[in-house]
């Protein structure tokens, strides 16, 4: 310090700490001249002493005016050193940088001014302090004092100029600084950071694209900033990088894809649009690099397909098609299970378009990687079954197509039908609302006979009798009304003279026994009119309940549809189809006379040509003989057992045994109904005992729990749906 005091007059040192700026400025000019003379003399020891004096006695002084004078003095000393300043920067720059954090805004302002003047002199030589300078500028960009901010902006522009022309700048050391600050929310800091990213990216010798994954997320974060200017700057920077990616032969798509996937779910609309646009380009450009990320990318695309913003939906749909068009082998990192998991998850989406595309993906995977999908079937099968209850018909139809693809082999076919029946049992509304659609579509996709045979086999062993009856009635109605099952109906009409038809008839009969009306309908369809009449005669009082009459009402209306046109034409030959007449008259006798169905059937029977019935025609056969039903030209007549030709055509349908099976199953239903009635009565009695006063009130109230009248149970022809 003594050396410094010997070369710097006391008056200069006194003015350097004066409260007046002009005096400090003049003192600084004196310091500049002194340092310049010392530099010319090569006396660097005294120069070092002067710098130490300015640093220790002034810039680190507790007095604000001293600190201001010290900063001006250091800048003046640097100007005096000119080309020789580089060797003293280790002394000069640190105290200036320290002053950027000063509590006094004027000191911070003079620090910016001092470093600006120092930088102008040394230029690229101060790059070694870049990280510290960048950190200081980042903080000053958000300074509370407008003058300090303005000074910092001037310094920032100068530093950028120096960096862009310097070959000593290290991008590798800079990126960690940038990455640490990219998620700062302060708008001034964000502008500062975007500005640096843009400037550095414009330098040909600096490869910012290679480090893009380090700060890409921060740029996307700025797209949702409240400041329009910041959003615009971030978008401009991202657009420039995307263009560079398109033109670059080597890009790290994988790391950036992870960022884009997260940003595609942003609540901010503009961020989502930008992210999905980038993903679209990546899918087109990424190639094998993106294969391990397909599941994540798909997870980002599927929700955007249903986005409320049109632009996002358009880009998402295009990206989805691009991605599905890429065929990658599992051996190169293509994870079938991961993609299947994403598709399964989005089957529960609230948006129909997303659910539809998820199903398209499952279908695509089944086409290309069937074995891989089947290995994960347990993970997705339950969800696919639940999707059958989807409110969208299009979704349900697609689900059925997927199920049909899975069920191409026997094992999975059996599993599908078993699970389907189980779902119908557990969810009554599914059978009611979707039953017809599901069964009809499966019959188209998997062959109607195969589906009906399997359903019949399962229902034959169904322990829940009430469900079995409802399910059989539903299947019977579908069989009689659906255009998709026309071929199955045509086959059943040949029951009496075709082996395949007979086999199908017997297969259905076993489960159709759960419903008397279903059996009668099946017999009328199969033209086994004698057996239909026998079943009708075998009905007991308990069988003819409200449910039975509702089903009978539906059947009578169905007899007037094109499905049973052949039956109505057979009535033109009453002598030949006497058992058909007896069956129809039997049904007529079961109907209440005031019902619409009774009037319809009676009107139809009145149109039958006159025919004289004799008792012999309906007489029961002797013990050694049995009636045999044979078909001629699609009809049915009665032949005695002694007719050898008739026996051969009949080919062994044991109707007596079938009638026993029907009676046995109906006995089970009647026993079950009695048990249920007893349980209900027991429960009602318990309640009456517990609350006698409520029972007394009920006696005085009108009975609202009576079963509905027959008229209220009627169904019009337009009410044949399940």
Foldseek 3Di string as FASTA:
>chain_A
DVLQPVQQDPCLLVQLLDPDPVSLLVSLLVLLVSLLVCLVVVPVVSLLVNLVCLQPVACPDPRLSSNLSSLSNLLSNLNSNQPNNLVVCVSRLPSLLVQLPPPDLVSVLSSLVSVQSNCVRHQLSCLVCVVSLLVSLLVQLLDPDPSSNVSSVVSLVSNLVSVLPDPPHDPVVCLVVLLVCLQDQDPSSLVSSLVSLVSQVPRPVHCVQAVCLSRVLSLLVQCPRPDPVSVVSSVVSLVVSLVVVVVDPDHQLVSVLVSLLVQCPDPDPVSVLSSLLSLLVCLVPVPLSCQLVLLSSLLSLLVQCQDPDPSSVVSSVNSLVSSLPDDDDVVSNRQPLSNLVSLLVQCPPPDPSSVLSSLVVLVSCCVRPVVNCVVCCVVRVVSLLVSCPPPDLSSNLSSLLSQLSNPPDPVSVLVVLVVNLVVCVVDVVSCQPRVLVNLLSNCQSPPNLVSLLSNLVVLLPDPPLVSLLVNLLQVLLSCLDPPSNLVVLVLLLLCLFDPVNVVSLVSNLSSLLSALLSNLSSCLSNQVLLLSLVSLVPDDPVNLDLVNQQSLLQVLLSCPDPSVPVVLVCLQCCVFSVSNVSSLVSSLVSHDCPDPSNVSSVVSNVPRPDDDDDPVQVDADDPVWHWAWHDDPSHTGTDIRVPPVSCVSRPDDDSVVSSVSSVVSVVVVVVVVVVVVVVVVVVVVVVCVVCVVVVVVVVVDDDPPDDDDSRVSYDDNVPSRD
